[in-house]
Amino acid sequence: MPVKRMLGVVLVVVGGIVAWQGWEAKQSFGSKLGALVGSSNTNALVMLGVGALLVVVGALLAVRP
């Protein structure tokens, strides 16, 4: 397996984990309580965005020749 493809697979896995952690943080009780008082949870949104970006980049690396 070429190194580029392995790196892509690793990025997809890591991106999925980061996105999942961001989703869990966004769905937490503290996040929902903060939404009631007007506080935003930027950490969860950043984790979701970075995770999605890693998944896309990893998929492109894994699929492209």
PDB file of N, CA and C in Angstrom:
ATOM      1  N   MET A   1       0.852  -1.173   0.000  1.00  0.00           N
ATOM      2  CA  MET A   1       0.000   0.000   0.000  1.00  0.00           C
ATOM      3  C   MET A   1       0.896   1.234   0.000  1.00  0.00           C
ATOM      4  N   PRO A   2       0.677   2.161  -0.924  1.00  0.00           N
ATOM      5  CA  PRO A   2       1.504   3.367  -0.970  1.00  0.00           C
ATOM      6  C   PRO A   2       1.330   4.237   0.283  1.00  0.00           C
ATOM      7  N   VAL A   3       2.360   4.986   0.568  1.00  0.00           N
ATOM      8  CA  VAL A   3       2.360   5.832   1.767  1.00  0.00           C
ATOM      9  C   VAL A   3       1.244   6.873   1.697  1.00  0.00           C
ATOM     10  N   LYS A   4       1.012   7.428   0.515  1.00  0.00           N
ATOM     11  CA  LYS A   4      -0.022   8.445   0.345  1.00  0.00           C
ATOM     12  C   LYS A   4      -1.405   7.884   0.689  1.00  0.00           C
ATOM     13  N   ARG A   5      -1.671   6.659   0.272  1.00  0.00           N
ATOM     14  CA  ARG A   5      -2.963   6.027   0.563  1.00  0.00           C
ATOM     15  C   ARG A   5      -3.087   5.722   2.058  1.00  0.00           C
ATOM     16  N   MET A   6      -2.007   5.255   2.684  1.00  0.00           N
ATOM     17  CA  MET A   6      -2.047   4.978   4.124  1.00  0.00           C
ATOM     18  C   MET A   6      -2.281   6.264   4.907  1.00  0.00           C
ATOM     19  N   LEU A   7      -1.626   7.353   4.504  1.00  0.00           N
ATOM     20  CA  LEU A   7      -1.828   8.639   5.160  1.00  0.00           C
ATOM     21  C   LEU A   7      -3.282   9.081   5.018  1.00  0.00           C
ATOM     22  N   GLY A   8      -3.869   8.848   3.848  1.00  0.00           N
ATOM     23  CA  GLY A   8      -5.263   9.184   3.637  1.00  0.00           C
ATOM     24  C   GLY A   8      -6.190   8.417   4.550  1.00  0.00           C
ATOM     25  N   VAL A   9      -5.942   7.137   4.702  1.00  0.00           N
ATOM     26  CA  VAL A   9      -6.766   6.311   5.588  1.00  0.00           C
ATOM     27  C   VAL A   9      -6.626   6.772   7.033  1.00  0.00           C
ATOM     28  N   VAL A  10      -5.415   7.081   7.441  1.00  0.00           N
ATOM     29  CA  VAL A  10      -5.182   7.569   8.809  1.00  0.00           C
ATOM     30  C   VAL A  10      -5.915   8.886   9.026  1.00  0.00           C
ATOM     31  N   LEU A  11      -5.866   9.787   8.048  1.00  0.00           N
ATOM     32  CA  LEU A  11      -6.561  11.067   8.184  1.00  0.00           C
ATOM     33  C   LEU A  11      -8.071  10.887   8.259  1.00  0.00           C
ATOM     34  N   VAL A  12      -8.609   9.952   7.505  1.00  0.00           N
ATOM     35  CA  VAL A  12     -10.052   9.685   7.568  1.00  0.00           C
ATOM     36  C   VAL A  12     -10.433   9.184   8.958  1.00  0.00           C
ATOM     37  N   VAL A  13      -9.642   8.280   9.512  1.00  0.00           N
ATOM     38  CA  VAL A  13      -9.944   7.733  10.838  1.00  0.00           C
ATOM     39  C   VAL A  13      -9.820   8.813  11.911  1.00  0.00           C
ATOM     40  N   VAL A  14      -8.728   9.559  11.871  1.00  0.00           N
ATOM     41  CA  VAL A  14      -8.522  10.618  12.871  1.00  0.00           C
ATOM     42  C   VAL A  14      -9.600  11.697  12.732  1.00  0.00           C
ATOM     43  N   GLY A  15      -9.925  12.065  11.499  1.00  0.00           N
ATOM     44  CA  GLY A  15     -10.973  13.057  11.271  1.00  0.00           C
ATOM     45  C   GLY A  15     -12.322  12.589  11.775  1.00  0.00           C
ATOM     46  N   GLY A  16     -12.616  11.312  11.587  1.00  0.00           N
ATOM     47  CA  GLY A  16     -13.866  10.775  12.108  1.00  0.00           C
ATOM     48  C   GLY A  16     -13.924  10.828  13.621  1.00  0.00           C
ATOM     49  N   ILE A  17     -12.821  10.524  14.263  1.00  0.00           N
ATOM     50  CA  ILE A  17     -12.772  10.568  15.728  1.00  0.00           C
ATOM     51  C   ILE A  17     -12.937  12.001  16.226  1.00  0.00           C
ATOM     52  N   VAL A  18     -12.241  12.943  15.587  1.00  0.00           N
ATOM     53  CA  VAL A  18     -12.336  14.350  16.009  1.00  0.00           C
ATOM     54  C   VAL A  18     -13.752  14.878  15.798  1.00  0.00           C
ATOM     55  N   ALA A  19     -14.354  14.548  14.649  1.00  0.00           N
ATOM     56  CA  ALA A  19     -15.722  14.990  14.382  1.00  0.00           C
ATOM     57  C   ALA A  19     -16.700  14.374  15.380  1.00  0.00           C
ATOM     58  N   TRP A  20     -16.494  13.098  15.719  1.00  0.00           N
ATOM     59  CA  TRP A  20     -17.365  12.445  16.694  1.00  0.00           C
ATOM     60  C   TRP A  20     -17.247  13.119  18.063  1.00  0.00           C
ATOM     61  N   GLN A  21     -16.027  13.450  18.461  1.00  0.00           N
ATOM     62  CA  GLN A  21     -15.823  14.137  19.739  1.00  0.00           C
ATOM     63  C   GLN A  21     -16.495  15.509  19.727  1.00  0.00           C
ATOM     64  N   GLY A  22     -16.405  16.210  18.603  1.00  0.00           N
ATOM     65  CA  GLY A  22     -17.076  17.499  18.480  1.00  0.00           C
ATOM     66  C   GLY A  22     -18.583  17.364  18.571  1.00  0.00           C
ATOM     67  N   TRP A  23     -19.122  16.310  17.930  1.00  0.00           N
ATOM     68  CA  TRP A  23     -20.567  16.070  17.993  1.00  0.00           C
ATOM     69  C   TRP A  23     -20.991  15.769  19.423  1.00  0.00           C
ATOM     70  N   GLU A  24     -20.215  14.946  20.114  1.00  0.00           N
ATOM     71  CA  GLU A  24     -20.536  14.624  21.506  1.00  0.00           C
ATOM     72  C   GLU A  24     -20.478  15.875  22.383  1.00  0.00           C
ATOM     73  N   ALA A  25     -19.498  16.737  22.146  1.00  0.00           N
ATOM     74  CA  ALA A  25     -19.393  17.966  22.928  1.00  0.00           C
ATOM     75  C   ALA A  25     -20.570  18.894  22.634  1.00  0.00           C
ATOM     76  N   LYS A  26     -21.000  18.928  21.393  1.00  0.00           N
ATOM     77  CA  LYS A  26     -22.130  19.781  21.023  1.00  0.00           C
ATOM     78  C   LYS A  26     -23.431  19.267  21.622  1.00  0.00           C
ATOM     79  N   GLN A  27     -23.571  17.957  21.789  1.00  0.00           N
ATOM     80  CA  GLN A  27     -24.792  17.377  22.316  1.00  0.00           C
ATOM     81  C   GLN A  27     -24.792  17.256  23.841  1.00  0.00           C
ATOM     82  N   SER A  28     -23.727  17.710  24.494  1.00  0.00           N
ATOM     83  CA  SER A  28     -23.629  17.554  25.943  1.00  0.00           C
ATOM     84  C   SER A  28     -24.627  18.466  26.669  1.00  0.00           C
ATOM     85  N   PHE A  29     -24.870  18.141  27.908  1.00  0.00           N
ATOM     86  CA  PHE A  29     -25.803  18.920  28.720  1.00  0.00           C
ATOM     87  C   PHE A  29     -25.298  20.345  28.917  1.00  0.00           C
ATOM     88  N   GLY A  30     -23.996  20.488  29.132  1.00  0.00           N
ATOM     89  CA  GLY A  30     -23.426  21.821  29.327  1.00  0.00           C
ATOM     90  C   GLY A  30     -23.584  22.694  28.100  1.00  0.00           C
ATOM     91  N   SER A  31     -23.467  22.121  26.937  1.00  0.00           N
ATOM     92  CA  SER A  31     -23.645  22.870  25.703  1.00  0.00           C
ATOM     93  C   SER A  31     -25.088  23.326  25.546  1.00  0.00           C
ATOM     94  N   LYS A  32     -26.015  22.444  25.859  1.00  0.00           N
ATOM     95  CA  LYS A  32     -27.424  22.801  25.752  1.00  0.00           C
ATOM     96  C   LYS A  32     -27.797  23.859  26.792  1.00  0.00           C
ATOM     97  N   LEU A  33     -27.221  23.769  27.973  1.00  0.00           N
ATOM     98  CA  LEU A  33     -27.473  24.761  29.004  1.00  0.00           C
ATOM     99  C   LEU A  33     -26.881  26.112  28.597  1.00  0.00           C
ATOM    100  N   GLY A  34     -25.695  26.079  27.997  1.00  0.00           N
ATOM    101  CA  GLY A  34     -25.083  27.309  27.524  1.00  0.00           C
ATOM    102  C   GLY A  34     -25.883  27.963  26.419  1.00  0.00           C
ATOM    103  N   ALA A  35     -26.546  27.186  25.584  1.00  0.00           N
ATOM    104  CA  ALA A  35     -27.367  27.746  24.514  1.00  0.00           C
ATOM    105  C   ALA A  35     -28.564  28.499  25.082  1.00  0.00           C
ATOM    106  N   LEU A  36     -29.055  28.060  26.232  1.00  0.00           N
ATOM    107  CA  LEU A  36     -30.188  28.748  26.848  1.00  0.00           C
ATOM    108  C   LEU A  36     -29.811  30.134  27.343  1.00  0.00           C
ATOM    109  N   VAL A  37     -28.574  30.300  27.808  1.00  0.00           N
ATOM    110  CA  VAL A  37     -28.147  31.594  28.341  1.00  0.00           C
ATOM    111  C   VAL A  37     -27.412  32.431  27.305  1.00  0.00           C
ATOM    112  N   GLY A  38     -27.302  31.935  26.086  1.00  0.00           N
ATOM    113  CA  GLY A  38     -26.704  32.729  25.013  1.00  0.00           C
ATOM    114  C   GLY A  38     -25.222  32.509  24.808  1.00  0.00           C
ATOM    115  N   SER A  39     -24.636  31.555  25.459  1.00  0.00           N
ATOM    116  CA  SER A  39     -23.215  31.257  25.302  1.00  0.00           C
ATOM    117  C   SER A  39     -23.024  30.300  24.134  1.00  0.00           C
ATOM    118  N   SER A  40     -22.027  30.575  23.286  1.00  0.00           N
ATOM    119  CA  SER A  40     -21.787  29.670  22.164  1.00  0.00           C
ATOM    120  C   SER A  40     -20.675  28.688  22.523  1.00  0.00           C
ATOM    121  N   ASN A  41     -20.747  27.516  21.941  1.00  0.00           N
ATOM    122  CA  ASN A  41     -19.759  26.477  22.190  1.00  0.00           C
ATOM    123  C   ASN A  41     -18.871  26.361  20.957  1.00  0.00           C
ATOM    124  N   THR A  42     -17.884  27.239  20.849  1.00  0.00           N
ATOM    125  CA  THR A  42     -17.053  27.278  19.648  1.00  0.00           C
ATOM    126  C   THR A  42     -16.112  26.091  19.565  1.00  0.00           C
ATOM    127  N   ASN A  43     -15.706  25.530  20.691  1.00  0.00           N
ATOM    128  CA  ASN A  43     -14.812  24.365  20.645  1.00  0.00           C
ATOM    129  C   ASN A  43     -15.453  23.197  19.914  1.00  0.00           C
ATOM    130  N   ALA A  44     -16.711  22.942  20.187  1.00  0.00           N
ATOM    131  CA  ALA A  44     -17.409  21.845  19.528  1.00  0.00           C
ATOM    132  C   ALA A  44     -17.519  22.108  18.034  1.00  0.00           C
ATOM    133  N   LEU A  45     -17.811  23.336  17.655  1.00  0.00           N
ATOM    134  CA  LEU A  45     -17.936  23.663  16.237  1.00  0.00           C
ATOM    135  C   LEU A  45     -16.595  23.568  15.516  1.00  0.00           C
ATOM    136  N   VAL A  46     -15.533  23.976  16.174  1.00  0.00           N
ATOM    137  CA  VAL A  46     -14.199  23.870  15.576  1.00  0.00           C
ATOM    138  C   VAL A  46     -13.826  22.404  15.401  1.00  0.00           C
ATOM    139  N   MET A  47     -14.117  21.589  16.401  1.00  0.00           N
ATOM    140  CA  MET A  47     -13.810  20.162  16.292  1.00  0.00           C
ATOM    141  C   MET A  47     -14.604  19.509  15.169  1.00  0.00           C
ATOM    142  N   LEU A  48     -15.860  19.878  15.022  1.00  0.00           N
ATOM    143  CA  LEU A  48     -16.667  19.345  13.924  1.00  0.00           C
ATOM    144  C   LEU A  48     -16.090  19.758  12.572  1.00  0.00           C
ATOM    145  N   GLY A  49     -15.707  21.016  12.452  1.00  0.00           N
ATOM    146  CA  GLY A  49     -15.158  21.508  11.190  1.00  0.00           C
ATOM    147  C   GLY A  49     -13.824  20.876  10.845  1.00  0.00           C
ATOM    148  N   VAL A  50     -12.938  20.794  11.811  1.00  0.00           N
ATOM    149  CA  VAL A  50     -11.622  20.199  11.576  1.00  0.00           C
ATOM    150  C   VAL A  50     -11.763  18.710  11.262  1.00  0.00           C
ATOM    151  N   GLY A  51     -12.633  18.042  11.972  1.00  0.00           N
ATOM    152  CA  GLY A  51     -12.858  16.622  11.705  1.00  0.00           C
ATOM    153  C   GLY A  51     -13.384  16.387  10.301  1.00  0.00           C
ATOM    154  N   ALA A  52     -14.336  17.206   9.878  1.00  0.00           N
ATOM    155  CA  ALA A  52     -14.878  17.069   8.526  1.00  0.00           C
ATOM    156  C   ALA A  52     -13.816  17.358   7.475  1.00  0.00           C
ATOM    157  N   LEU A  53     -13.003  18.363   7.717  1.00  0.00           N
ATOM    158  CA  LEU A  53     -11.920  18.701   6.780  1.00  0.00           C
ATOM    159  C   LEU A  53     -10.912  17.563   6.671  1.00  0.00           C
ATOM    160  N   LEU A  54     -10.549  16.972   7.799  1.00  0.00           N
ATOM    161  CA  LEU A  54      -9.615  15.850   7.781  1.00  0.00           C
ATOM    162  C   LEU A  54     -10.186  14.648   7.038  1.00  0.00           C
ATOM    163  N   VAL A  55     -11.472  14.405   7.203  1.00  0.00           N
ATOM    164  CA  VAL A  55     -12.106  13.275   6.507  1.00  0.00           C
ATOM    165  C   VAL A  55     -12.077  13.515   4.999  1.00  0.00           C
ATOM    166  N   VAL A  56     -12.389  14.726   4.565  1.00  0.00           N
ATOM    167  CA  VAL A  56     -12.402  15.031   3.134  1.00  0.00           C
ATOM    168  C   VAL A  56     -11.008  14.934   2.544  1.00  0.00           C
ATOM    169  N   VAL A  57     -10.016  15.536   3.196  1.00  0.00           N
ATOM    170  CA  VAL A  57      -8.645  15.487   2.694  1.00  0.00           C
ATOM    171  C   VAL A  57      -8.131  14.050   2.689  1.00  0.00           C
ATOM    172  N   GLY A  58      -8.413  13.314   3.741  1.00  0.00           N
ATOM    173  CA  GLY A  58      -7.985  11.920   3.818  1.00  0.00           C
ATOM    174  C   GLY A  58      -8.624  11.072   2.733  1.00  0.00           C
ATOM    175  N   ALA A  59      -9.904  11.313   2.474  1.00  0.00           N
ATOM    176  CA  ALA A  59     -10.583  10.546   1.426  1.00  0.00           C
ATOM    177  C   ALA A  59      -9.991  10.860   0.049  1.00  0.00           C
ATOM    178  N   LEU A  60      -9.683  12.115  -0.173  1.00  0.00           N
ATOM    179  CA  LEU A  60      -9.070  12.481  -1.460  1.00  0.00           C
ATOM    180  C   LEU A  60      -7.695  11.834  -1.621  1.00  0.00           C
ATOM    181  N   LEU A  61      -6.923  11.819  -0.553  1.00  0.00           N
ATOM    182  CA  LEU A  61      -5.604  11.182  -0.618  1.00  0.00           C
ATOM    183  C   LEU A  61      -5.717   9.673  -0.813  1.00  0.00           C
ATOM    184  N   ALA A  62      -6.702   9.072  -0.181  1.00  0.00           N
ATOM    185  CA  ALA A  62      -6.837   7.615  -0.260  1.00  0.00           C
ATOM    186  C   ALA A  62      -7.354   7.156  -1.617  1.00  0.00           C
ATOM    187  N   VAL A  63      -8.173   7.969  -2.264  1.00  0.00           N
ATOM    188  CA  VAL A  63      -8.811   7.557  -3.508  1.00  0.00           C
ATOM    189  C   VAL A  63      -8.000   7.928  -4.737  1.00  0.00           C
ATOM    190  N   ARG A  64      -7.369   9.074  -4.708  1.00  0.00           N
ATOM    191  CA  ARG A  64      -6.634   9.531  -5.894  1.00  0.00           C
ATOM    192  C   ARG A  64      -5.390   8.692  -6.124  1.00  0.00           C
ATOM    193  N   PRO A  65      -5.082   8.435  -7.400  1.00  0.00           N
ATOM    194  CA  PRO A  65      -3.890   7.624  -7.699  1.00  0.00           C
ATOM    195  C   PRO A  65      -2.585   8.370  -7.468  1.00  0.00           C
TER     196      PRO A  65
END
